Amino acid sequence: MIKQMLPDDSKLTVVQLKGSLNSNHAFEVQRHLLDHTLVGSNTSILLLDFSELQSLDRDGLMVLVSIVKFARGLGQRLVCCSVSASIRMIFELTQLDRVLETYETGSEFLLKNA
């Protein structure tokens, strides 16, 4: 997982998810996002980049749901981009696509929200 704050907009934090968001790593990712990205930061928009995420299991889904709820509770916005077809299908089957705000790419998000 790579975290970066964009220099031209310090309220936007981009986190690139890598590998698998599964039972081996999901709760570590959750703890990192809560402790270092959402709580006590200047972030108002958290952009999760899925371009290097290869797989997602139920624990990963649970983490995403909890992060969305937590971010919304703080008045923050969670956005996903570059979601693969297989993970997008999981979102659709679990109806998370109705909850998660997604964009084809991070650039598309930036263009539409400039």
PDB file of N, CA and C in Angstrom:
ATOM      1  N   MET A   1       0.848  -1.167   0.000  1.00  0.00           N
ATOM      2  CA  MET A   1       0.000   0.000   0.000  1.00  0.00           C
ATOM      3  C   MET A   1       0.893   1.229   0.000  1.00  0.00           C
ATOM      4  N   ILE A   2       0.596   2.167  -0.885  1.00  0.00           N
ATOM      5  CA  ILE A   2       1.344   3.406  -0.975  1.00  0.00           C
ATOM      6  C   ILE A   2       0.392   4.554  -0.695  1.00  0.00           C
ATOM      7  N   LYS A   3       0.796   5.457   0.148  1.00  0.00           N
ATOM      8  CA  LYS A   3      -0.031   6.622   0.463  1.00  0.00           C
ATOM      9  C   LYS A   3       0.694   7.864  -0.025  1.00  0.00           C
ATOM     10  N   GLN A   4      -0.020   8.745  -0.677  1.00  0.00           N
ATOM     11  CA  GLN A   4       0.577  10.007  -1.061  1.00  0.00           C
ATOM     12  C   GLN A   4      -0.454  11.111  -1.000  1.00  0.00           C
ATOM     13  N   MET A   5      -0.017  12.274  -0.586  1.00  0.00           N
ATOM     14  CA  MET A   5      -0.899  13.436  -0.603  1.00  0.00           C
ATOM     15  C   MET A   5      -0.496  14.261  -1.817  1.00  0.00           C
ATOM     16  N   LEU A   6      -1.458  14.676  -2.582  1.00  0.00           N
ATOM     17  CA  LEU A   6      -1.165  15.470  -3.762  1.00  0.00           C
ATOM     18  C   LEU A   6      -0.795  16.887  -3.343  1.00  0.00           C
ATOM     19  N   PRO A   7       0.317  17.415  -3.860  1.00  0.00           N
ATOM     20  CA  PRO A   7       0.796  18.713  -3.400  1.00  0.00           C
ATOM     21  C   PRO A   7      -0.129  19.880  -3.720  1.00  0.00           C
ATOM     22  N   ASP A   8      -0.890  19.809  -4.811  1.00  0.00           N
ATOM     23  CA  ASP A   8      -1.738  20.933  -5.183  1.00  0.00           C
ATOM     24  C   ASP A   8      -3.077  20.940  -4.450  1.00  0.00           C
ATOM     25  N   ASP A   9      -3.378  19.895  -3.715  1.00  0.00           N
ATOM     26  CA  ASP A   9      -4.619  19.846  -2.951  1.00  0.00           C
ATOM     27  C   ASP A   9      -4.389  18.953  -1.734  1.00  0.00           C
ATOM     28  N   SER A  10      -3.986  19.559  -0.636  1.00  0.00           N
ATOM     29  CA  SER A  10      -3.615  18.787   0.543  1.00  0.00           C
ATOM     30  C   SER A  10      -4.803  18.083   1.186  1.00  0.00           C
ATOM     31  N   LYS A  11      -6.005  18.348   0.719  1.00  0.00           N
ATOM     32  CA  LYS A  11      -7.180  17.691   1.272  1.00  0.00           C
ATOM     33  C   LYS A  11      -7.472  16.361   0.578  1.00  0.00           C
ATOM     34  N   LEU A  12      -6.747  16.060  -0.474  1.00  0.00           N
ATOM     35  CA  LEU A  12      -6.904  14.803  -1.207  1.00  0.00           C
ATOM     36  C   LEU A  12      -5.733  13.892  -0.900  1.00  0.00           C
ATOM     37  N   THR A  13      -6.047  12.698  -0.424  1.00  0.00           N
ATOM     38  CA  THR A  13      -5.021  11.692  -0.181  1.00  0.00           C
ATOM     39  C   THR A  13      -5.305  10.508  -1.083  1.00  0.00           C
ATOM     40  N   VAL A  14      -4.269  10.051  -1.783  1.00  0.00           N
ATOM     41  CA  VAL A  14      -4.383   8.893  -2.664  1.00  0.00           C
ATOM     42  C   VAL A  14      -3.682   7.716  -2.002  1.00  0.00           C
ATOM     43  N   VAL A  15      -4.383   6.599  -1.930  1.00  0.00           N
ATOM     44  CA  VAL A  15      -3.798   5.368  -1.399  1.00  0.00           C
ATOM     45  C   VAL A  15      -3.895   4.310  -2.486  1.00  0.00           C
ATOM     46  N   GLN A  16      -2.762   3.773  -2.869  1.00  0.00           N
ATOM     47  CA  GLN A  16      -2.743   2.721  -3.883  1.00  0.00           C
ATOM     48  C   GLN A  16      -2.701   1.370  -3.184  1.00  0.00           C
ATOM     49  N   LEU A  17      -3.744   0.588  -3.420  1.00  0.00           N
ATOM     50  CA  LEU A  17      -3.821  -0.752  -2.852  1.00  0.00           C
ATOM     51  C   LEU A  17      -3.069  -1.705  -3.769  1.00  0.00           C
ATOM     52  N   LYS A  18      -2.297  -2.624  -3.177  1.00  0.00           N
ATOM     53  CA  LYS A  18      -1.499  -3.553  -3.977  1.00  0.00           C
ATOM     54  C   LYS A  18      -1.727  -4.988  -3.525  1.00  0.00           C
ATOM     55  N   GLY A  19      -1.620  -5.898  -4.460  1.00  0.00           N
ATOM     56  CA  GLY A  19      -1.703  -7.316  -4.134  1.00  0.00           C
ATOM     57  C   GLY A  19      -3.107  -7.777  -3.834  1.00  0.00           C
ATOM     58  N   SER A  20      -3.298  -8.274  -2.629  1.00  0.00           N
ATOM     59  CA  SER A  20      -4.594  -8.825  -2.217  1.00  0.00           C
ATOM     60  C   SER A  20      -5.096  -8.117  -0.970  1.00  0.00           C
ATOM     61  N   LEU A  21      -6.380  -7.828  -0.992  1.00  0.00           N
ATOM     62  CA  LEU A  21      -7.037  -7.306   0.207  1.00  0.00           C
ATOM     63  C   LEU A  21      -7.860  -8.471   0.744  1.00  0.00           C
ATOM     64  N   ASN A  22      -7.181  -9.302   1.538  1.00  0.00           N
ATOM     65  CA  ASN A  22      -7.812 -10.527   2.022  1.00  0.00           C
ATOM     66  C   ASN A  22      -7.582 -10.691   3.514  1.00  0.00           C
ATOM     67  N   SER A  23      -7.946 -11.837   4.031  1.00  0.00           N
ATOM     68  CA  SER A  23      -7.867 -12.067   5.474  1.00  0.00           C
ATOM     69  C   SER A  23      -6.452 -11.892   6.017  1.00  0.00           C
ATOM     70  N   ASN A  24      -5.431 -12.058   5.185  1.00  0.00           N
ATOM     71  CA  ASN A  24      -4.051 -11.896   5.639  1.00  0.00           C
ATOM     72  C   ASN A  24      -3.659 -10.433   5.817  1.00  0.00           C
ATOM     73  N   HIS A  25      -4.301  -9.510   5.062  1.00  0.00           N
ATOM     74  CA  HIS A  25      -3.866  -8.122   5.058  1.00  0.00           C
ATOM     75  C   HIS A  25      -4.975  -7.105   5.340  1.00  0.00           C
ATOM     76  N   ALA A  26      -6.214  -7.514   5.258  1.00  0.00           N
ATOM     77  CA  ALA A  26      -7.330  -6.561   5.296  1.00  0.00           C
ATOM     78  C   ALA A  26      -7.341  -5.703   6.558  1.00  0.00           C
ATOM     79  N   PHE A  27      -7.157  -6.301   7.698  1.00  0.00           N
ATOM     80  CA  PHE A  27      -7.286  -5.540   8.932  1.00  0.00           C
ATOM     81  C   PHE A  27      -6.064  -4.652   9.178  1.00  0.00           C
ATOM     82  N   GLU A  28      -4.920  -5.050   8.642  1.00  0.00           N
ATOM     83  CA  GLU A  28      -3.730  -4.192   8.672  1.00  0.00           C
ATOM     84  C   GLU A  28      -3.975  -2.938   7.827  1.00  0.00           C
ATOM     85  N   VAL A  29      -4.562  -3.124   6.652  1.00  0.00           N
ATOM     86  CA  VAL A  29      -4.905  -1.997   5.783  1.00  0.00           C
ATOM     87  C   VAL A  29      -5.925  -1.101   6.474  1.00  0.00           C
ATOM     88  N   GLN A  30      -6.924  -1.706   7.089  1.00  0.00           N
ATOM     89  CA  GLN A  30      -7.941  -0.932   7.804  1.00  0.00           C
ATOM     90  C   GLN A  30      -7.304  -0.086   8.897  1.00  0.00           C
ATOM     91  N   ARG A  31      -6.463  -0.686   9.690  1.00  0.00           N
ATOM     92  CA  ARG A  31      -5.804   0.034  10.784  1.00  0.00           C
ATOM     93  C   ARG A  31      -4.974   1.191  10.237  1.00  0.00           C
ATOM     94  N   HIS A  32      -4.259   0.942   9.149  1.00  0.00           N
ATOM     95  CA  HIS A  32      -3.441   1.999   8.544  1.00  0.00           C
ATOM     96  C   HIS A  32      -4.313   3.158   8.045  1.00  0.00           C
ATOM     97  N   LEU A  33      -5.388   2.821   7.346  1.00  0.00           N
ATOM     98  CA  LEU A  33      -6.270   3.868   6.816  1.00  0.00           C
ATOM     99  C   LEU A  33      -6.913   4.672   7.939  1.00  0.00           C
ATOM    100  N   LEU A  34      -7.334   3.996   8.985  1.00  0.00           N
ATOM    101  CA  LEU A  34      -7.965   4.700  10.103  1.00  0.00           C
ATOM    102  C   LEU A  34      -6.962   5.545  10.871  1.00  0.00           C
ATOM    103  N   ASP A  35      -5.831   4.966  11.222  1.00  0.00           N
ATOM    104  CA  ASP A  35      -4.871   5.640  12.091  1.00  0.00           C
ATOM    105  C   ASP A  35      -4.049   6.712  11.389  1.00  0.00           C
ATOM    106  N   HIS A  36      -3.711   6.494  10.127  1.00  0.00           N
ATOM    107  CA  HIS A  36      -2.756   7.385   9.468  1.00  0.00           C
ATOM    108  C   HIS A  36      -3.338   8.219   8.336  1.00  0.00           C
ATOM    109  N   THR A  37      -4.551   7.932   7.928  1.00  0.00           N
ATOM    110  CA  THR A  37      -5.101   8.644   6.778  1.00  0.00           C
ATOM    111  C   THR A  37      -6.361   9.411   7.125  1.00  0.00           C
ATOM    112  N   LEU A  38      -7.277   8.803   7.838  1.00  0.00           N
ATOM    113  CA  LEU A  38      -8.564   9.446   8.101  1.00  0.00           C
ATOM    114  C   LEU A  38      -8.580  10.244   9.403  1.00  0.00           C
ATOM    115  N   VAL A  39      -8.120   9.647  10.471  1.00  0.00           N
ATOM    116  CA  VAL A  39      -8.207  10.274  11.785  1.00  0.00           C
ATOM    117  C   VAL A  39      -7.079  11.296  11.957  1.00  0.00           C
ATOM    118  N   GLY A  40      -7.457  12.504  12.316  1.00  0.00           N
ATOM    119  CA  GLY A  40      -6.471  13.527  12.631  1.00  0.00           C
ATOM    120  C   GLY A  40      -5.708  14.087  11.448  1.00  0.00           C
ATOM    121  N   SER A  41      -6.186  13.838  10.242  1.00  0.00           N
ATOM    122  CA  SER A  41      -5.486  14.371   9.073  1.00  0.00           C
ATOM    123  C   SER A  41      -6.306  15.489   8.454  1.00  0.00           C
ATOM    124  N   ASN A  42      -5.714  16.144   7.500  1.00  0.00           N
ATOM    125  CA  ASN A  42      -6.371  17.228   6.777  1.00  0.00           C
ATOM    126  C   ASN A  42      -7.176  16.682   5.593  1.00  0.00           C
ATOM    127  N   THR A  43      -7.209  15.373   5.456  1.00  0.00           N
ATOM    128  CA  THR A  43      -7.866  14.732   4.326  1.00  0.00           C
ATOM    129  C   THR A  43      -9.377  14.917   4.371  1.00  0.00           C
ATOM    130  N   SER A  44      -9.931  15.375   3.259  1.00  0.00           N
ATOM    131  CA  SER A  44     -11.389  15.395   3.146  1.00  0.00           C
ATOM    132  C   SER A  44     -11.851  14.424   2.065  1.00  0.00           C
ATOM    133  N   ILE A  45     -10.911  14.031   1.183  1.00  0.00           N
ATOM    134  CA  ILE A  45     -11.211  13.043   0.147  1.00  0.00           C
ATOM    135  C   ILE A  45     -10.117  11.978   0.171  1.00  0.00           C
ATOM    136  N   LEU A  46     -10.524  10.743   0.318  1.00  0.00           N
ATOM    137  CA  LEU A  46      -9.602   9.617   0.257  1.00  0.00           C
ATOM    138  C   LEU A  46      -9.878   8.883  -1.046  1.00  0.00           C
ATOM    139  N   LEU A  47      -8.897   8.876  -1.933  1.00  0.00           N
ATOM    140  CA  LEU A  47      -9.016   8.198  -3.225  1.00  0.00           C
ATOM    141  C   LEU A  47      -8.255   6.885  -3.150  1.00  0.00           C
ATOM    142  N   LEU A  48      -8.988   5.771  -3.207  1.00  0.00           N
ATOM    143  CA  LEU A  48      -8.362   4.445  -3.207  1.00  0.00           C
ATOM    144  C   LEU A  48      -8.145   4.019  -4.643  1.00  0.00           C
ATOM    145  N   ASP A  49      -6.893   3.805  -5.007  1.00  0.00           N
ATOM    146  CA  ASP A  49      -6.518   3.383  -6.353  1.00  0.00           C
ATOM    147  C   ASP A  49      -6.386   1.859  -6.357  1.00  0.00           C
ATOM    148  N   PHE A  50      -7.265   1.200  -7.099  1.00  0.00           N
ATOM    149  CA  PHE A  50      -7.299  -0.265  -7.151  1.00  0.00           C
ATOM    150  C   PHE A  50      -6.477  -0.835  -8.307  1.00  0.00           C
ATOM    151  N   SER A  51      -5.729  -0.025  -9.023  1.00  0.00           N
ATOM    152  CA  SER A  51      -5.061  -0.476 -10.251  1.00  0.00           C
ATOM    153  C   SER A  51      -4.104  -1.645 -10.029  1.00  0.00           C
ATOM    154  N   GLU A  52      -3.543  -1.767  -8.840  1.00  0.00           N
ATOM    155  CA  GLU A  52      -2.610  -2.864  -8.569  1.00  0.00           C
ATOM    156  C   GLU A  52      -3.165  -3.880  -7.571  1.00  0.00           C
ATOM    157  N   LEU A  53      -4.467  -3.780  -7.312  1.00  0.00           N
ATOM    158  CA  LEU A  53      -5.103  -4.752  -6.430  1.00  0.00           C
ATOM    159  C   LEU A  53      -5.573  -5.932  -7.269  1.00  0.00           C
ATOM    160  N   GLN A  54      -5.117  -7.114  -6.921  1.00  0.00           N
ATOM    161  CA  GLN A  54      -5.409  -8.293  -7.726  1.00  0.00           C
ATOM    162  C   GLN A  54      -6.592  -9.097  -7.214  1.00  0.00           C
ATOM    163  N   SER A  55      -6.817  -9.093  -5.907  1.00  0.00           N
ATOM    164  CA  SER A  55      -7.921  -9.895  -5.390  1.00  0.00           C
ATOM    165  C   SER A  55      -8.482  -9.276  -4.111  1.00  0.00           C
ATOM    166  N   LEU A  56      -9.702  -9.700  -3.823  1.00  0.00           N
ATOM    167  CA  LEU A  56     -10.460  -9.158  -2.702  1.00  0.00           C
ATOM    168  C   LEU A  56     -11.341 -10.278  -2.172  1.00  0.00           C
ATOM    169  N   ASP A  57     -11.316 -10.492  -0.850  1.00  0.00           N
ATOM    170  CA  ASP A  57     -12.200 -11.506  -0.274  1.00  0.00           C
ATOM    171  C   ASP A  57     -13.182 -10.848   0.690  1.00  0.00           C
ATOM    172  N   ARG A  58     -13.929 -11.656   1.438  1.00  0.00           N
ATOM    173  CA  ARG A  58     -14.969 -11.099   2.307  1.00  0.00           C
ATOM    174  C   ARG A  58     -14.392 -10.190   3.378  1.00  0.00           C
ATOM    175  N   ASP A  59     -13.209 -10.500   3.885  1.00  0.00           N
ATOM    176  CA  ASP A  59     -12.588  -9.634   4.887  1.00  0.00           C
ATOM    177  C   ASP A  59     -12.228  -8.284   4.273  1.00  0.00           C
ATOM    178  N   GLY A  60     -11.760  -8.308   3.041  1.00  0.00           N
ATOM    179  CA  GLY A  60     -11.477  -7.069   2.335  1.00  0.00           C
ATOM    180  C   GLY A  60     -12.728  -6.248   2.110  1.00  0.00           C
ATOM    181  N   LEU A  61     -13.821  -6.920   1.766  1.00  0.00           N
ATOM    182  CA  LEU A  61     -15.104  -6.231   1.599  1.00  0.00           C
ATOM    183  C   LEU A  61     -15.564  -5.600   2.913  1.00  0.00           C
ATOM    184  N   MET A  62     -15.413  -6.335   4.002  1.00  0.00           N
ATOM    185  CA  MET A  62     -15.813  -5.810   5.312  1.00  0.00           C
ATOM    186  C   MET A  62     -15.000  -4.566   5.661  1.00  0.00           C
ATOM    187  N   VAL A  63     -13.723  -4.585   5.343  1.00  0.00           N
ATOM    188  CA  VAL A  63     -12.871  -3.429   5.613  1.00  0.00           C
ATOM    189  C   VAL A  63     -13.340  -2.234   4.777  1.00  0.00           C
ATOM    190  N   LEU A  64     -13.637  -2.447   3.505  1.00  0.00           N
ATOM    191  CA  LEU A  64     -14.106  -1.353   2.665  1.00  0.00           C
ATOM    192  C   LEU A  64     -15.398  -0.743   3.219  1.00  0.00           C
ATOM    193  N   VAL A  65     -16.327  -1.583   3.618  1.00  0.00           N
ATOM    194  CA  VAL A  65     -17.591  -1.092   4.172  1.00  0.00           C
ATOM    195  C   VAL A  65     -17.329  -0.283   5.442  1.00  0.00           C
ATOM    196  N   SER A  66     -16.478  -0.785   6.317  1.00  0.00           N
ATOM    197  CA  SER A  66     -16.214  -0.064   7.567  1.00  0.00           C
ATOM    198  C   SER A  66     -15.492   1.254   7.309  1.00  0.00           C
ATOM    199  N   ILE A  67     -14.590   1.282   6.334  1.00  0.00           N
ATOM    200  CA  ILE A  67     -13.875   2.520   6.006  1.00  0.00           C
ATOM    201  C   ILE A  67     -14.840   3.549   5.420  1.00  0.00           C
ATOM    202  N   VAL A  68     -15.769   3.107   4.565  1.00  0.00           N
ATOM    203  CA  VAL A  68     -16.769   4.024   3.999  1.00  0.00           C
ATOM    204  C   VAL A  68     -17.607   4.629   5.125  1.00  0.00           C
ATOM    205  N   LYS A  69     -18.089   3.786   6.024  1.00  0.00           N
ATOM    206  CA  LYS A  69     -18.916   4.280   7.135  1.00  0.00           C
ATOM    207  C   LYS A  69     -18.136   5.251   8.016  1.00  0.00           C
ATOM    208  N   PHE A  70     -16.902   4.894   8.305  1.00  0.00           N
ATOM    209  CA  PHE A  70     -16.076   5.727   9.170  1.00  0.00           C
ATOM    210  C   PHE A  70     -15.788   7.077   8.513  1.00  0.00           C
ATOM    211  N   ALA A  71     -15.418   7.048   7.233  1.00  0.00           N
ATOM    212  CA  ALA A  71     -15.119   8.285   6.506  1.00  0.00           C
ATOM    213  C   ALA A  71     -16.349   9.192   6.471  1.00  0.00           C
ATOM    214  N   ARG A  72     -17.490   8.625   6.172  1.00  0.00           N
ATOM    215  CA  ARG A  72     -18.721   9.414   6.125  1.00  0.00           C
ATOM    216  C   ARG A  72     -19.050  10.006   7.490  1.00  0.00           C
ATOM    217  N   GLY A  73     -18.803   9.243   8.529  1.00  0.00           N
ATOM    218  CA  GLY A  73     -19.035   9.747   9.882  1.00  0.00           C
ATOM    219  C   GLY A  73     -18.158  10.941  10.216  1.00  0.00           C
ATOM    220  N   LEU A  74     -16.985  11.013   9.596  1.00  0.00           N
ATOM    221  CA  LEU A  74     -16.075  12.140   9.798  1.00  0.00           C
ATOM    222  C   LEU A  74     -16.323  13.264   8.801  1.00  0.00           C
ATOM    223  N   GLY A  75     -17.320  13.077   7.920  1.00  0.00           N
ATOM    224  CA  GLY A  75     -17.594  14.079   6.895  1.00  0.00           C
ATOM    225  C   GLY A  75     -16.607  14.030   5.744  1.00  0.00           C
ATOM    226  N   GLN A  76     -15.944  12.888   5.584  1.00  0.00           N
ATOM    227  CA  GLN A  76     -14.964  12.717   4.519  1.00  0.00           C
ATOM    228  C   GLN A  76     -15.572  11.891   3.392  1.00  0.00           C
ATOM    229  N   ARG A  77     -14.972  11.978   2.249  1.00  0.00           N
ATOM    230  CA  ARG A  77     -15.463  11.298   1.052  1.00  0.00           C
ATOM    231  C   ARG A  77     -14.465  10.225   0.647  1.00  0.00           C
ATOM    232  N   LEU A  78     -14.955   9.015   0.412  1.00  0.00           N
ATOM    233  CA  LEU A  78     -14.117   7.919  -0.057  1.00  0.00           C
ATOM    234  C   LEU A  78     -14.479   7.627  -1.503  1.00  0.00           C
ATOM    235  N   VAL A  79     -13.466   7.606  -2.367  1.00  0.00           N
ATOM    236  CA  VAL A  79     -13.655   7.406  -3.797  1.00  0.00           C
ATOM    237  C   VAL A  79     -12.719   6.287  -4.237  1.00  0.00           C
ATOM    238  N   CYS A  80     -13.185   5.444  -5.160  1.00  0.00           N
ATOM    239  CA  CYS A  80     -12.380   4.360  -5.702  1.00  0.00           C
ATOM    240  C   CYS A  80     -12.117   4.616  -7.184  1.00  0.00           C
ATOM    241  N   CYS A  81     -10.945   4.212  -7.656  1.00  0.00           N
ATOM    242  CA  CYS A  81     -10.658   4.334  -9.085  1.00  0.00           C
ATOM    243  C   CYS A  81      -9.865   3.118  -9.557  1.00  0.00           C
ATOM    244  N   SER A  82      -9.869   2.940 -10.861  1.00  0.00           N
ATOM    245  CA  SER A  82      -9.105   1.869 -11.521  1.00  0.00           C
ATOM    246  C   SER A  82      -9.448   0.487 -10.979  1.00  0.00           C
ATOM    247  N   VAL A  83     -10.730   0.240 -10.815  1.00  0.00           N
ATOM    248  CA  VAL A  83     -11.203  -1.040 -10.295  1.00  0.00           C
ATOM    249  C   VAL A  83     -11.255  -2.049 -11.441  1.00  0.00           C
ATOM    250  N   SER A  84     -10.623  -3.195 -11.270  1.00  0.00           N
ATOM    251  CA  SER A  84     -10.606  -4.228 -12.315  1.00  0.00           C
ATOM    252  C   SER A  84     -12.004  -4.803 -12.521  1.00  0.00           C
ATOM    253  N   ALA A  85     -12.178  -5.457 -13.646  1.00  0.00           N
ATOM    254  CA  ALA A  85     -13.475  -6.060 -13.973  1.00  0.00           C
ATOM    255  C   ALA A  85     -13.883  -7.110 -12.934  1.00  0.00           C
ATOM    256  N   SER A  86     -12.937  -7.904 -12.469  1.00  0.00           N
ATOM    257  CA  SER A  86     -13.283  -8.955 -11.502  1.00  0.00           C
ATOM    258  C   SER A  86     -13.691  -8.366 -10.150  1.00  0.00           C
ATOM    259  N   ILE A  87     -13.022  -7.319  -9.713  1.00  0.00           N
ATOM    260  CA  ILE A  87     -13.389  -6.696  -8.439  1.00  0.00           C
ATOM    261  C   ILE A  87     -14.676  -5.893  -8.612  1.00  0.00           C
ATOM    262  N   ARG A  88     -14.856  -5.271  -9.763  1.00  0.00           N
ATOM    263  CA  ARG A  88     -16.105  -4.557 -10.036  1.00  0.00           C
ATOM    264  C   ARG A  88     -17.285  -5.531  -9.977  1.00  0.00           C
ATOM    265  N   MET A  89     -17.085  -6.751 -10.459  1.00  0.00           N
ATOM    266  CA  MET A  89     -18.140  -7.759 -10.422  1.00  0.00           C
ATOM    267  C   MET A  89     -18.489  -8.115  -8.967  1.00  0.00           C
ATOM    268  N   ILE A  90     -17.473  -8.204  -8.127  1.00  0.00           N
ATOM    269  CA  ILE A  90     -17.714  -8.468  -6.704  1.00  0.00           C
ATOM    270  C   ILE A  90     -18.525  -7.327  -6.106  1.00  0.00           C
ATOM    271  N   PHE A  91     -18.166  -6.091  -6.459  1.00  0.00           N
ATOM    272  CA  PHE A  91     -18.927  -4.930  -5.969  1.00  0.00           C
ATOM    273  C   PHE A  91     -20.386  -5.018  -6.408  1.00  0.00           C
ATOM    274  N   GLU A  92     -20.610  -5.424  -7.644  1.00  0.00           N
ATOM    275  CA  GLU A  92     -21.979  -5.513  -8.162  1.00  0.00           C
ATOM    276  C   GLU A  92     -22.758  -6.631  -7.472  1.00  0.00           C
ATOM    277  N   LEU A  93     -22.129  -7.789  -7.288  1.00  0.00           N
ATOM    278  CA  LEU A  93     -22.802  -8.919  -6.650  1.00  0.00           C
ATOM    279  C   LEU A  93     -23.171  -8.629  -5.198  1.00  0.00           C
ATOM    280  N   THR A  94     -22.326  -7.859  -4.527  1.00  0.00           N
ATOM    281  CA  THR A  94     -22.577  -7.528  -3.127  1.00  0.00           C
ATOM    282  C   THR A  94     -23.312  -6.197  -2.975  1.00  0.00           C
ATOM    283  N   GLN A  95     -23.619  -5.571  -4.088  1.00  0.00           N
ATOM    284  CA  GLN A  95     -24.287  -4.270  -4.164  1.00  0.00           C
ATOM    285  C   GLN A  95     -23.469  -3.143  -3.544  1.00  0.00           C
ATOM    286  N   LEU A  96     -22.173  -3.361  -3.404  1.00  0.00           N
ATOM    287  CA  LEU A  96     -21.288  -2.294  -2.939  1.00  0.00           C
ATOM    288  C   LEU A  96     -21.138  -1.205  -3.997  1.00  0.00           C
ATOM    289  N   ASP A  97     -21.419  -1.547  -5.255  1.00  0.00           N
ATOM    290  CA  ASP A  97     -21.332  -0.546  -6.319  1.00  0.00           C
ATOM    291  C   ASP A  97     -22.330   0.587  -6.089  1.00  0.00           C
ATOM    292  N   ARG A  98     -23.355   0.327  -5.290  1.00  0.00           N
ATOM    293  CA  ARG A  98     -24.342   1.365  -4.960  1.00  0.00           C
ATOM    294  C   ARG A  98     -23.858   2.278  -3.850  1.00  0.00           C
ATOM    295  N   VAL A  99     -22.866   1.816  -3.109  1.00  0.00           N
ATOM    296  CA  VAL A  99     -22.352   2.557  -1.963  1.00  0.00           C
ATOM    297  C   VAL A  99     -21.042   3.262  -2.294  1.00  0.00           C
ATOM    298  N   LEU A 100     -20.211   2.597  -3.089  1.00  0.00           N
ATOM    299  CA  LEU A 100     -18.891   3.135  -3.410  1.00  0.00           C
ATOM    300  C   LEU A 100     -18.954   4.052  -4.626  1.00  0.00           C
ATOM    301  N   GLU A 101     -18.335   5.198  -4.496  1.00  0.00           N
ATOM    302  CA  GLU A 101     -18.209   6.123  -5.618  1.00  0.00           C
ATOM    303  C   GLU A 101     -16.970   5.693  -6.404  1.00  0.00           C
ATOM    304  N   THR A 102     -17.155   5.316  -7.679  1.00  0.00           N
ATOM    305  CA  THR A 102     -16.031   4.814  -8.461  1.00  0.00           C
ATOM    306  C   THR A 102     -15.846   5.596  -9.751  1.00  0.00           C
ATOM    307  N   TYR A 103     -14.591   5.661 -10.187  1.00  0.00           N
ATOM    308  CA  TYR A 103     -14.204   6.302 -11.443  1.00  0.00           C
ATOM    309  C   TYR A 103     -13.273   5.351 -12.179  1.00  0.00           C
ATOM    310  N   GLU A 104     -13.271   5.457 -13.495  1.00  0.00           N
ATOM    311  CA  GLU A 104     -12.403   4.591 -14.302  1.00  0.00           C
ATOM    312  C   GLU A 104     -10.939   4.779 -13.936  1.00  0.00           C
ATOM    313  N   THR A 105     -10.523   6.041 -13.765  1.00  0.00           N
ATOM    314  CA  THR A 105      -9.128   6.345 -13.416  1.00  0.00           C
ATOM    315  C   THR A 105      -9.099   7.486 -12.396  1.00  0.00           C
ATOM    316  N   GLY A 106      -7.955   7.654 -11.784  1.00  0.00           N
ATOM    317  CA  GLY A 106      -7.777   8.781 -10.884  1.00  0.00           C
ATOM    318  C   GLY A 106      -7.845  10.096 -11.638  1.00  0.00           C
ATOM    319  N   SER A 107      -7.343  10.097 -12.865  1.00  0.00           N
ATOM    320  CA  SER A 107      -7.387  11.311 -13.698  1.00  0.00           C
ATOM    321  C   SER A 107      -8.821  11.727 -13.988  1.00  0.00           C
ATOM    322  N   GLU A 108      -9.684  10.753 -14.253  1.00  0.00           N
ATOM    323  CA  GLU A 108     -11.090  11.063 -14.501  1.00  0.00           C
ATOM    324  C   GLU A 108     -11.710  11.712 -13.257  1.00  0.00           C
ATOM    325  N   PHE A 109     -11.400  11.172 -12.089  1.00  0.00           N
ATOM    326  CA  PHE A 109     -11.905  11.770 -10.851  1.00  0.00           C
ATOM    327  C   PHE A 109     -11.450  13.217 -10.727  1.00  0.00           C
ATOM    328  N   LEU A 110     -10.156  13.456 -10.966  1.00  0.00           N
ATOM    329  CA  LEU A 110      -9.614  14.814 -10.833  1.00  0.00           C
ATOM    330  C   LEU A 110     -10.256  15.774 -11.832  1.00  0.00           C
ATOM    331  N   LEU A 111     -10.464  15.311 -13.052  1.00  0.00           N
ATOM    332  CA  LEU A 111     -11.092  16.166 -14.070  1.00  0.00           C
ATOM    333  C   LEU A 111     -12.526  16.534 -13.709  1.00  0.00           C
ATOM    334  N   LYS A 112     -13.270  15.574 -13.214  1.00  0.00           N
ATOM    335  CA  LYS A 112     -14.682  15.810 -12.904  1.00  0.00           C
ATOM    336  C   LYS A 112     -14.881  16.535 -11.575  1.00  0.00           C
ATOM    337  N   ASN A 113     -13.844  16.616 -10.771  1.00  0.00           N
ATOM    338  CA  ASN A 113     -13.982  17.233  -9.463  1.00  0.00           C
ATOM    339  C   ASN A 113     -13.011  18.390  -9.263  1.00  0.00           C
ATOM    340  N   ALA A 114     -12.586  18.968 -10.343  1.00  0.00           N
ATOM    341  CA  ALA A 114     -11.628  20.091 -10.264  1.00  0.00           C
ATOM    342  C   ALA A 114     -12.299  21.347  -9.759  1.00  0.00           C
TER     343      ALA A 114
END
